[in-house]
Amino acid sequence: MTATIEIYTKFGCPFCVRAKHLLDTKGAAYQEYDVTMGGATREEMLARAPGARTVPQIFINNVAIGGSDELRALESEGKLSSMLSETGD
């Protein structure tokens, strides 16, 4: 089993595209939530990541890791692959 990955995005967001591309190159499956129009999904994102005002907001096994830059940093540090292979149990 692999990690549960969730990513909150907006239409046309280059940082969202970058983050999804990195996850795609790692072969990671993720659930994407579009917050372009705001509403309940955006409120859910803000509740899960208090203070977050930008997208993407990425969660791995229900832990907020931040956005595209933080995801890239995990990859650069060699930590992302192991996080993606851990189960959220």
PDB file of N, CA and C in Angstrom:
ATOM      1  N   MET A   1       0.834  -1.181   0.000  1.00  0.00           N
ATOM      2  CA  MET A   1       0.000   0.000   0.000  1.00  0.00           C
ATOM      3  C   MET A   1       0.882   1.249   0.000  1.00  0.00           C
ATOM      4  N   THR A   2       0.366   2.319  -0.566  1.00  0.00           N
ATOM      5  CA  THR A   2       1.139   3.549  -0.632  1.00  0.00           C
ATOM      6  C   THR A   2       0.458   4.657   0.153  1.00  0.00           C
ATOM      7  N   ALA A   3       1.144   5.766   0.236  1.00  0.00           N
ATOM      8  CA  ALA A   3       0.643   6.909   0.985  1.00  0.00           C
ATOM      9  C   ALA A   3      -0.641   7.464   0.375  1.00  0.00           C
ATOM     10  N   THR A   4      -1.439   8.082   1.225  1.00  0.00           N
ATOM     11  CA  THR A   4      -2.609   8.823   0.771  1.00  0.00           C
ATOM     12  C   THR A   4      -2.148  10.253   0.511  1.00  0.00           C
ATOM     13  N   ILE A   5      -2.310  10.705  -0.727  1.00  0.00           N
ATOM     14  CA  ILE A   5      -1.847  12.033  -1.121  1.00  0.00           C
ATOM     15  C   ILE A   5      -3.044  12.846  -1.585  1.00  0.00           C
ATOM     16  N   GLU A   6      -3.164  14.048  -1.033  1.00  0.00           N
ATOM     17  CA  GLU A   6      -4.228  14.964  -1.418  1.00  0.00           C
ATOM     18  C   GLU A   6      -3.599  16.297  -1.770  1.00  0.00           C
ATOM     19  N   ILE A   7      -4.109  16.923  -2.825  1.00  0.00           N
ATOM     20  CA  ILE A   7      -3.568  18.199  -3.254  1.00  0.00           C
ATOM     21  C   ILE A   7      -4.712  19.140  -3.626  1.00  0.00           C
ATOM     22  N   TYR A   8      -4.696  20.301  -3.010  1.00  0.00           N
ATOM     23  CA  TYR A   8      -5.686  21.340  -3.293  1.00  0.00           C
ATOM     24  C   TYR A   8      -5.080  22.269  -4.344  1.00  0.00           C
ATOM     25  N   THR A   9      -5.820  22.502  -5.426  1.00  0.00           N
ATOM     26  CA  THR A   9      -5.300  23.265  -6.559  1.00  0.00           C
ATOM     27  C   THR A   9      -6.310  24.310  -7.030  1.00  0.00           C
ATOM     28  N   LYS A  10      -5.816  25.194  -7.906  1.00  0.00           N
ATOM     29  CA  LYS A  10      -6.674  26.148  -8.618  1.00  0.00           C
ATOM     30  C   LYS A  10      -6.360  26.055 -10.098  1.00  0.00           C
ATOM     31  N   PHE A  11      -7.357  26.343 -10.912  1.00  0.00           N
ATOM     32  CA  PHE A  11      -7.194  26.330 -12.354  1.00  0.00           C
ATOM     33  C   PHE A  11      -6.127  27.353 -12.767  1.00  0.00           C
ATOM     34  N   GLY A  12      -5.213  26.932 -13.634  1.00  0.00           N
ATOM     35  CA  GLY A  12      -4.199  27.831 -14.176  1.00  0.00           C
ATOM     36  C   GLY A  12      -3.037  28.130 -13.249  1.00  0.00           C
ATOM     37  N   CYS A  13      -2.949  27.448 -12.145  1.00  0.00           N
ATOM     38  CA  CYS A  13      -1.880  27.696 -11.170  1.00  0.00           C
ATOM     39  C   CYS A  13      -0.605  26.957 -11.592  1.00  0.00           C
ATOM     40  N   PRO A  14       0.469  27.716 -11.948  1.00  0.00           N
ATOM     41  CA  PRO A  14       1.700  27.047 -12.387  1.00  0.00           C
ATOM     42  C   PRO A  14       2.373  26.236 -11.283  1.00  0.00           C
ATOM     43  N   PHE A  15       2.224  26.647 -10.032  1.00  0.00           N
ATOM     44  CA  PHE A  15       2.814  25.901  -8.926  1.00  0.00           C
ATOM     45  C   PHE A  15       2.095  24.574  -8.723  1.00  0.00           C
ATOM     46  N   CYS A  16       0.776  24.584  -8.964  1.00  0.00           N
ATOM     47  CA  CYS A  16      -0.008  23.352  -8.876  1.00  0.00           C
ATOM     48  C   CYS A  16       0.435  22.374  -9.961  1.00  0.00           C
ATOM     49  N   VAL A  17       0.612  22.887 -11.171  1.00  0.00           N
ATOM     50  CA  VAL A  17       1.067  22.062 -12.289  1.00  0.00           C
ATOM     51  C   VAL A  17       2.422  21.451 -11.959  1.00  0.00           C
ATOM     52  N   ARG A  18       3.318  22.245 -11.410  1.00  0.00           N
ATOM     53  CA  ARG A  18       4.667  21.783 -11.060  1.00  0.00           C
ATOM     54  C   ARG A  18       4.607  20.677 -10.005  1.00  0.00           C
ATOM     55  N   ALA A  19       3.783  20.879  -8.979  1.00  0.00           N
ATOM     56  CA  ALA A  19       3.675  19.879  -7.911  1.00  0.00           C
ATOM     57  C   ALA A  19       3.085  18.575  -8.442  1.00  0.00           C
ATOM     58  N   LYS A  20       2.021  18.681  -9.246  1.00  0.00           N
ATOM     59  CA  LYS A  20       1.410  17.472  -9.814  1.00  0.00           C
ATOM     60  C   LYS A  20       2.374  16.759 -10.748  1.00  0.00           C
ATOM     61  N   HIS A  21       3.163  17.515 -11.495  1.00  0.00           N
ATOM     62  CA  HIS A  21       4.148  16.896 -12.394  1.00  0.00           C
ATOM     63  C   HIS A  21       5.173  16.091 -11.597  1.00  0.00           C
ATOM     64  N   LEU A  22       5.652  16.649 -10.494  1.00  0.00           N
ATOM     65  CA  LEU A  22       6.613  15.925  -9.667  1.00  0.00           C
ATOM     66  C   LEU A  22       5.985  14.645  -9.120  1.00  0.00           C
ATOM     67  N   LEU A  23       4.765  14.736  -8.624  1.00  0.00           N
ATOM     68  CA  LEU A  23       4.089  13.533  -8.121  1.00  0.00           C
ATOM     69  C   LEU A  23       3.883  12.521  -9.239  1.00  0.00           C
ATOM     70  N   ASP A  24       3.531  13.013 -10.432  1.00  0.00           N
ATOM     71  CA  ASP A  24       3.341  12.113 -11.577  1.00  0.00           C
ATOM     72  C   ASP A  24       4.640  11.401 -11.938  1.00  0.00           C
ATOM     73  N   THR A  25       5.760  12.129 -11.926  1.00  0.00           N
ATOM     74  CA  THR A  25       7.044  11.502 -12.278  1.00  0.00           C
ATOM     75  C   THR A  25       7.460  10.464 -11.242  1.00  0.00           C
ATOM     76  N   LYS A  26       6.960  10.612 -10.007  1.00  0.00           N
ATOM     77  CA  LYS A  26       7.250   9.630  -8.958  1.00  0.00           C
ATOM     78  C   LYS A  26       6.272   8.455  -9.018  1.00  0.00           C
ATOM     79  N   GLY A  27       5.285   8.537  -9.921  1.00  0.00           N
ATOM     80  CA  GLY A  27       4.295   7.474 -10.025  1.00  0.00           C
ATOM     81  C   GLY A  27       3.306   7.468  -8.871  1.00  0.00           C
ATOM     82  N   ALA A  28       3.151   8.610  -8.225  1.00  0.00           N
ATOM     83  CA  ALA A  28       2.282   8.708  -7.043  1.00  0.00           C
ATOM     84  C   ALA A  28       0.845   9.032  -7.454  1.00  0.00           C
ATOM     85  N   ALA A  29      -0.080   8.274  -6.924  1.00  0.00           N
ATOM     86  CA  ALA A  29      -1.494   8.561  -7.148  1.00  0.00           C
ATOM     87  C   ALA A  29      -1.944   9.566  -6.092  1.00  0.00           C
ATOM     88  N   TYR A  30      -2.753  10.517  -6.510  1.00  0.00           N
ATOM     89  CA  TYR A  30      -3.221  11.539  -5.576  1.00  0.00           C
ATOM     90  C   TYR A  30      -4.651  11.920  -5.893  1.00  0.00           C
ATOM     91  N   GLN A  31      -5.307  12.457  -4.865  1.00  0.00           N
ATOM     92  CA  GLN A  31      -6.660  12.983  -5.005  1.00  0.00           C
ATOM     93  C   GLN A  31      -6.522  14.497  -5.109  1.00  0.00           C
ATOM     94  N   GLU A  32      -7.087  15.064  -6.174  1.00  0.00           N
ATOM     95  CA  GLU A  32      -6.997  16.504  -6.386  1.00  0.00           C
ATOM     96  C   GLU A  32      -8.325  17.168  -6.050  1.00  0.00           C
ATOM     97  N   TYR A  33      -8.238  18.278  -5.324  1.00  0.00           N
ATOM     98  CA  TYR A  33      -9.416  19.064  -4.967  1.00  0.00           C
ATOM     99  C   TYR A  33      -9.245  20.461  -5.549  1.00  0.00           C
ATOM    100  N   ASP A  34     -10.164  20.870  -6.396  1.00  0.00           N
ATOM    101  CA  ASP A  34     -10.094  22.177  -7.052  1.00  0.00           C
ATOM    102  C   ASP A  34     -10.788  23.219  -6.177  1.00  0.00           C
ATOM    103  N   VAL A  35     -10.043  24.245  -5.778  1.00  0.00           N
ATOM    104  CA  VAL A  35     -10.599  25.305  -4.934  1.00  0.00           C
ATOM    105  C   VAL A  35     -10.732  26.619  -5.702  1.00  0.00           C
ATOM    106  N   THR A  36     -10.718  26.538  -7.039  1.00  0.00           N
ATOM    107  CA  THR A  36     -10.797  27.736  -7.881  1.00  0.00           C
ATOM    108  C   THR A  36     -11.989  28.606  -7.522  1.00  0.00           C
ATOM    109  N   MET A  37     -13.133  27.993  -7.315  1.00  0.00           N
ATOM    110  CA  MET A  37     -14.355  28.749  -7.058  1.00  0.00           C
ATOM    111  C   MET A  37     -14.619  28.966  -5.568  1.00  0.00           C
ATOM    112  N   GLY A  38     -13.654  28.610  -4.726  1.00  0.00           N
ATOM    113  CA  GLY A  38     -13.840  28.799  -3.288  1.00  0.00           C
ATOM    114  C   GLY A  38     -14.801  27.780  -2.726  1.00  0.00           C
ATOM    115  N   GLY A  39     -15.673  28.229  -1.853  1.00  0.00           N
ATOM    116  CA  GLY A  39     -16.699  27.353  -1.306  1.00  0.00           C
ATOM    117  C   GLY A  39     -16.203  26.397  -0.244  1.00  0.00           C
ATOM    118  N   ALA A  40     -16.961  25.320  -0.077  1.00  0.00           N
ATOM    119  CA  ALA A  40     -16.715  24.368   0.997  1.00  0.00           C
ATOM    120  C   ALA A  40     -15.352  23.695   0.884  1.00  0.00           C
ATOM    121  N   THR A  41     -14.914  23.416  -0.333  1.00  0.00           N
ATOM    122  CA  THR A  41     -13.626  22.740  -0.503  1.00  0.00           C
ATOM    123  C   THR A  41     -12.486  23.651  -0.071  1.00  0.00           C
ATOM    124  N   ARG A  42     -12.575  24.930  -0.394  1.00  0.00           N
ATOM    125  CA  ARG A  42     -11.544  25.884   0.047  1.00  0.00           C
ATOM    126  C   ARG A  42     -11.568  26.018   1.566  1.00  0.00           C
ATOM    127  N   GLU A  43     -12.755  26.061   2.143  1.00  0.00           N
ATOM    128  CA  GLU A  43     -12.874  26.142   3.603  1.00  0.00           C
ATOM    129  C   GLU A  43     -12.259  24.908   4.262  1.00  0.00           C
ATOM    130  N   GLU A  44     -12.459  23.741   3.640  1.00  0.00           N
ATOM    131  CA  GLU A  44     -11.853  22.507   4.153  1.00  0.00           C
ATOM    132  C   GLU A  44     -10.336  22.617   4.132  1.00  0.00           C
ATOM    133  N   MET A  45      -9.788  23.137   3.016  1.00  0.00           N
ATOM    134  CA  MET A  45      -8.340  23.315   2.899  1.00  0.00           C
ATOM    135  C   MET A  45      -7.828  24.222   4.008  1.00  0.00           C
ATOM    136  N   LEU A  46      -8.512  25.342   4.226  1.00  0.00           N
ATOM    137  CA  LEU A  46      -8.076  26.296   5.242  1.00  0.00           C
ATOM    138  C   LEU A  46      -8.166  25.707   6.646  1.00  0.00           C
ATOM    139  N   ALA A  47      -9.154  24.852   6.874  1.00  0.00           N
ATOM    140  CA  ALA A  47      -9.280  24.195   8.174  1.00  0.00           C
ATOM    141  C   ALA A  47      -8.147  23.201   8.388  1.00  0.00           C
ATOM    142  N   ARG A  48      -7.739  22.521   7.326  1.00  0.00           N
ATOM    143  CA  ARG A  48      -6.683  21.513   7.429  1.00  0.00           C
ATOM    144  C   ARG A  48      -5.298  22.141   7.490  1.00  0.00           C
ATOM    145  N   ALA A  49      -5.135  23.309   6.858  1.00  0.00           N
ATOM    146  CA  ALA A  49      -3.846  23.999   6.825  1.00  0.00           C
ATOM    147  C   ALA A  49      -4.072  25.455   7.246  1.00  0.00           C
ATOM    148  N   PRO A  50      -4.272  25.676   8.544  1.00  0.00           N
ATOM    149  CA  PRO A  50      -4.549  27.033   9.019  1.00  0.00           C
ATOM    150  C   PRO A  50      -3.468  28.016   8.563  1.00  0.00           C
ATOM    151  N   GLY A  51      -3.904  29.156   8.089  1.00  0.00           N
ATOM    152  CA  GLY A  51      -2.967  30.167   7.624  1.00  0.00           C
ATOM    153  C   GLY A  51      -2.572  30.020   6.171  1.00  0.00           C
ATOM    154  N   ALA A  52      -2.932  28.907   5.552  1.00  0.00           N
ATOM    155  CA  ALA A  52      -2.582  28.683   4.152  1.00  0.00           C
ATOM    156  C   ALA A  52      -3.467  29.558   3.270  1.00  0.00           C
ATOM    157  N   ARG A  53      -2.839  30.386   2.459  1.00  0.00           N
ATOM    158  CA  ARG A  53      -3.595  31.252   1.564  1.00  0.00           C
ATOM    159  C   ARG A  53      -3.248  30.990   0.107  1.00  0.00           C
ATOM    160  N   THR A  54      -2.309  30.105  -0.119  1.00  0.00           N
ATOM    161  CA  THR A  54      -1.868  29.824  -1.481  1.00  0.00           C
ATOM    162  C   THR A  54      -2.108  28.361  -1.823  1.00  0.00           C
ATOM    163  N   VAL A  55      -2.085  28.070  -3.095  1.00  0.00           N
ATOM    164  CA  VAL A  55      -2.157  26.695  -3.578  1.00  0.00           C
ATOM    165  C   VAL A  55      -0.892  26.427  -4.392  1.00  0.00           C
ATOM    166  N   PRO A  56      -0.511  25.179  -4.486  1.00  0.00           N
ATOM    167  CA  PRO A  56      -1.189  24.019  -3.932  1.00  0.00           C
ATOM    168  C   PRO A  56      -0.949  23.882  -2.431  1.00  0.00           C
ATOM    169  N   GLN A  57      -1.832  23.165  -1.794  1.00  0.00           N
ATOM    170  CA  GLN A  57      -1.622  22.689  -0.427  1.00  0.00           C
ATOM    171  C   GLN A  57      -1.633  21.176  -0.536  1.00  0.00           C
ATOM    172  N   ILE A  58      -0.552  20.564  -0.088  1.00  0.00           N
ATOM    173  CA  ILE A  58      -0.346  19.132  -0.282  1.00  0.00           C
ATOM    174  C   ILE A  58      -0.330  18.431   1.070  1.00  0.00           C
ATOM    175  N   PHE A  59      -1.051  17.325   1.134  1.00  0.00           N
ATOM    176  CA  PHE A  59      -1.115  16.501   2.342  1.00  0.00           C
ATOM    177  C   PHE A  59      -0.666  15.091   1.983  1.00  0.00           C
ATOM    178  N   ILE A  60       0.253  14.561   2.762  1.00  0.00           N
ATOM    179  CA  ILE A  60       0.683  13.175   2.601  1.00  0.00           C
ATOM    180  C   ILE A  60       0.345  12.465   3.903  1.00  0.00           C
ATOM    181  N   ASN A  61      -0.491  11.445   3.808  1.00  0.00           N
ATOM    182  CA  ASN A  61      -0.983  10.720   4.988  1.00  0.00           C
ATOM    183  C   ASN A  61      -1.561  11.680   6.020  1.00  0.00           C
ATOM    184  N   ASN A  62      -2.340  12.644   5.516  1.00  0.00           N
ATOM    185  CA  ASN A  62      -3.073  13.595   6.357  1.00  0.00           C
ATOM    186  C   ASN A  62      -2.170  14.597   7.066  1.00  0.00           C
ATOM    187  N   VAL A  63      -0.908  14.683   6.665  1.00  0.00           N
ATOM    188  CA  VAL A  63       0.022  15.653   7.230  1.00  0.00           C
ATOM    189  C   VAL A  63       0.249  16.744   6.201  1.00  0.00           C
ATOM    190  N   ALA A  64       0.043  17.997   6.611  1.00  0.00           N
ATOM    191  CA  ALA A  64       0.272  19.123   5.704  1.00  0.00           C
ATOM    192  C   ALA A  64       1.763  19.293   5.482  1.00  0.00           C
ATOM    193  N   ILE A  65       2.183  19.204   4.214  1.00  0.00           N
ATOM    194  CA  ILE A  65       3.600  19.409   3.932  1.00  0.00           C
ATOM    195  C   ILE A  65       3.859  20.756   3.279  1.00  0.00           C
ATOM    196  N   GLY A  66       2.808  21.471   2.893  1.00  0.00           N
ATOM    197  CA  GLY A  66       2.976  22.787   2.286  1.00  0.00           C
ATOM    198  C   GLY A  66       2.651  22.765   0.813  1.00  0.00           C
ATOM    199  N   GLY A  67       3.413  23.548   0.061  1.00  0.00           N
ATOM    200  CA  GLY A  67       3.147  23.711  -1.354  1.00  0.00           C
ATOM    201  C   GLY A  67       4.200  23.105  -2.251  1.00  0.00           C
ATOM    202  N   SER A  68       4.276  23.651  -3.460  1.00  0.00           N
ATOM    203  CA  SER A  68       5.181  23.137  -4.480  1.00  0.00           C
ATOM    204  C   SER A  68       6.648  23.210  -4.042  1.00  0.00           C
ATOM    205  N   ASP A  69       7.041  24.326  -3.442  1.00  0.00           N
ATOM    206  CA  ASP A  69       8.436  24.484  -3.012  1.00  0.00           C
ATOM    207  C   ASP A  69       8.806  23.468  -1.943  1.00  0.00           C
ATOM    208  N   GLU A  70       7.900  23.231  -1.009  1.00  0.00           N
ATOM    209  CA  GLU A  70       8.172  22.265   0.056  1.00  0.00           C
ATOM    210  C   GLU A  70       8.240  20.841  -0.496  1.00  0.00           C
ATOM    211  N   LEU A  71       7.381  20.541  -1.468  1.00  0.00           N
ATOM    212  CA  LEU A  71       7.413  19.230  -2.111  1.00  0.00           C
ATOM    213  C   LEU A  71       8.744  19.025  -2.825  1.00  0.00           C
ATOM    214  N   ARG A  72       9.179  20.039  -3.560  1.00  0.00           N
ATOM    215  CA  ARG A  72      10.463  19.980  -4.268  1.00  0.00           C
ATOM    216  C   ARG A  72      11.623  19.829  -3.280  1.00  0.00           C
ATOM    217  N   ALA A  73      11.540  20.528  -2.144  1.00  0.00           N
ATOM    218  CA  ALA A  73      12.593  20.426  -1.129  1.00  0.00           C
ATOM    219  C   ALA A  73      12.683  19.006  -0.578  1.00  0.00           C
ATOM    220  N   LEU A  74      11.527  18.373  -0.333  1.00  0.00           N
ATOM    221  CA  LEU A  74      11.535  16.986   0.138  1.00  0.00           C
ATOM    222  C   LEU A  74      12.209  16.080  -0.878  1.00  0.00           C
ATOM    223  N   GLU A  75      11.949  16.327  -2.163  1.00  0.00           N
ATOM    224  CA  GLU A  75      12.582  15.532  -3.218  1.00  0.00           C
ATOM    225  C   GLU A  75      14.090  15.769  -3.229  1.00  0.00           C
ATOM    226  N   SER A  76      14.503  17.023  -3.125  1.00  0.00           N
ATOM    227  CA  SER A  76      15.929  17.371  -3.145  1.00  0.00           C
ATOM    228  C   SER A  76      16.675  16.763  -1.959  1.00  0.00           C
ATOM    229  N   GLU A  77      15.986  16.664  -0.822  1.00  0.00           N
ATOM    230  CA  GLU A  77      16.589  16.089   0.386  1.00  0.00           C
ATOM    231  C   GLU A  77      16.541  14.568   0.400  1.00  0.00           C
ATOM    232  N   GLY A  78      15.933  13.978  -0.627  1.00  0.00           N
ATOM    233  CA  GLY A  78      15.835  12.530  -0.699  1.00  0.00           C
ATOM    234  C   GLY A  78      14.796  11.929   0.229  1.00  0.00           C
ATOM    235  N   LYS A  79      13.845  12.733   0.707  1.00  0.00           N
ATOM    236  CA  LYS A  79      12.850  12.260   1.666  1.00  0.00           C
ATOM    237  C   LYS A  79      11.508  11.907   1.031  1.00  0.00           C
ATOM    238  N   LEU A  80      11.248  12.419  -0.171  1.00  0.00           N
ATOM    239  CA  LEU A  80       9.922  12.270  -0.751  1.00  0.00           C
ATOM    240  C   LEU A  80       9.571  10.821  -1.070  1.00  0.00           C
ATOM    241  N   SER A  81      10.470  10.081  -1.662  1.00  0.00           N
ATOM    242  CA  SER A  81      10.162   8.695  -2.045  1.00  0.00           C
ATOM    243  C   SER A  81       9.727   7.852  -0.851  1.00  0.00           C
ATOM    244  N   SER A  82      10.432   7.992   0.274  1.00  0.00           N
ATOM    245  CA  SER A  82      10.056   7.203   1.438  1.00  0.00           C
ATOM    246  C   SER A  82       8.711   7.653   2.001  1.00  0.00           C
ATOM    247  N   MET A  83       8.431   8.966   1.941  1.00  0.00           N
ATOM    248  CA  MET A  83       7.126   9.454   2.403  1.00  0.00           C
ATOM    249  C   MET A  83       6.005   8.901   1.530  1.00  0.00           C
ATOM    250  N   LEU A  84       6.249   8.796   0.234  1.00  0.00           N
ATOM    251  CA  LEU A  84       5.226   8.327  -0.685  1.00  0.00           C
ATOM    252  C   LEU A  84       4.974   6.832  -0.555  1.00  0.00           C
ATOM    253  N   SER A  85       5.928   6.105  -0.002  1.00  0.00           N
ATOM    254  CA  SER A  85       5.757   4.655   0.137  1.00  0.00           C
ATOM    255  C   SER A  85       5.198   4.257   1.498  1.00  0.00           C
ATOM    256  N   GLU A  86       5.088   5.222   2.417  1.00  0.00           N
ATOM    257  CA  GLU A  86       4.548   4.916   3.746  1.00  0.00           C
ATOM    258  C   GLU A  86       3.034   4.902   3.701  1.00  0.00           C
ATOM    259  N   THR A  87       2.453   3.992   4.440  1.00  0.00           N
ATOM    260  CA  THR A  87       0.990   3.951   4.510  1.00  0.00           C
ATOM    261  C   THR A  87       0.515   4.909   5.580  1.00  0.00           C
ATOM    262  N   GLY A  88      -0.716   5.337   5.440  1.00  0.00           N
ATOM    263  CA  GLY A  88      -1.286   6.280   6.382  1.00  0.00           C
ATOM    264  C   GLY A  88      -2.008   5.621   7.542  1.00  0.00           C
ATOM    265  N   ASP A  89      -1.731   4.357   7.782  1.00  0.00           N
ATOM    266  CA  ASP A  89      -2.431   3.620   8.850  1.00  0.00           C
ATOM    267  C   ASP A  89      -2.024   4.088  10.232  1.00  0.00           C
TER     268      ASP A  89
END
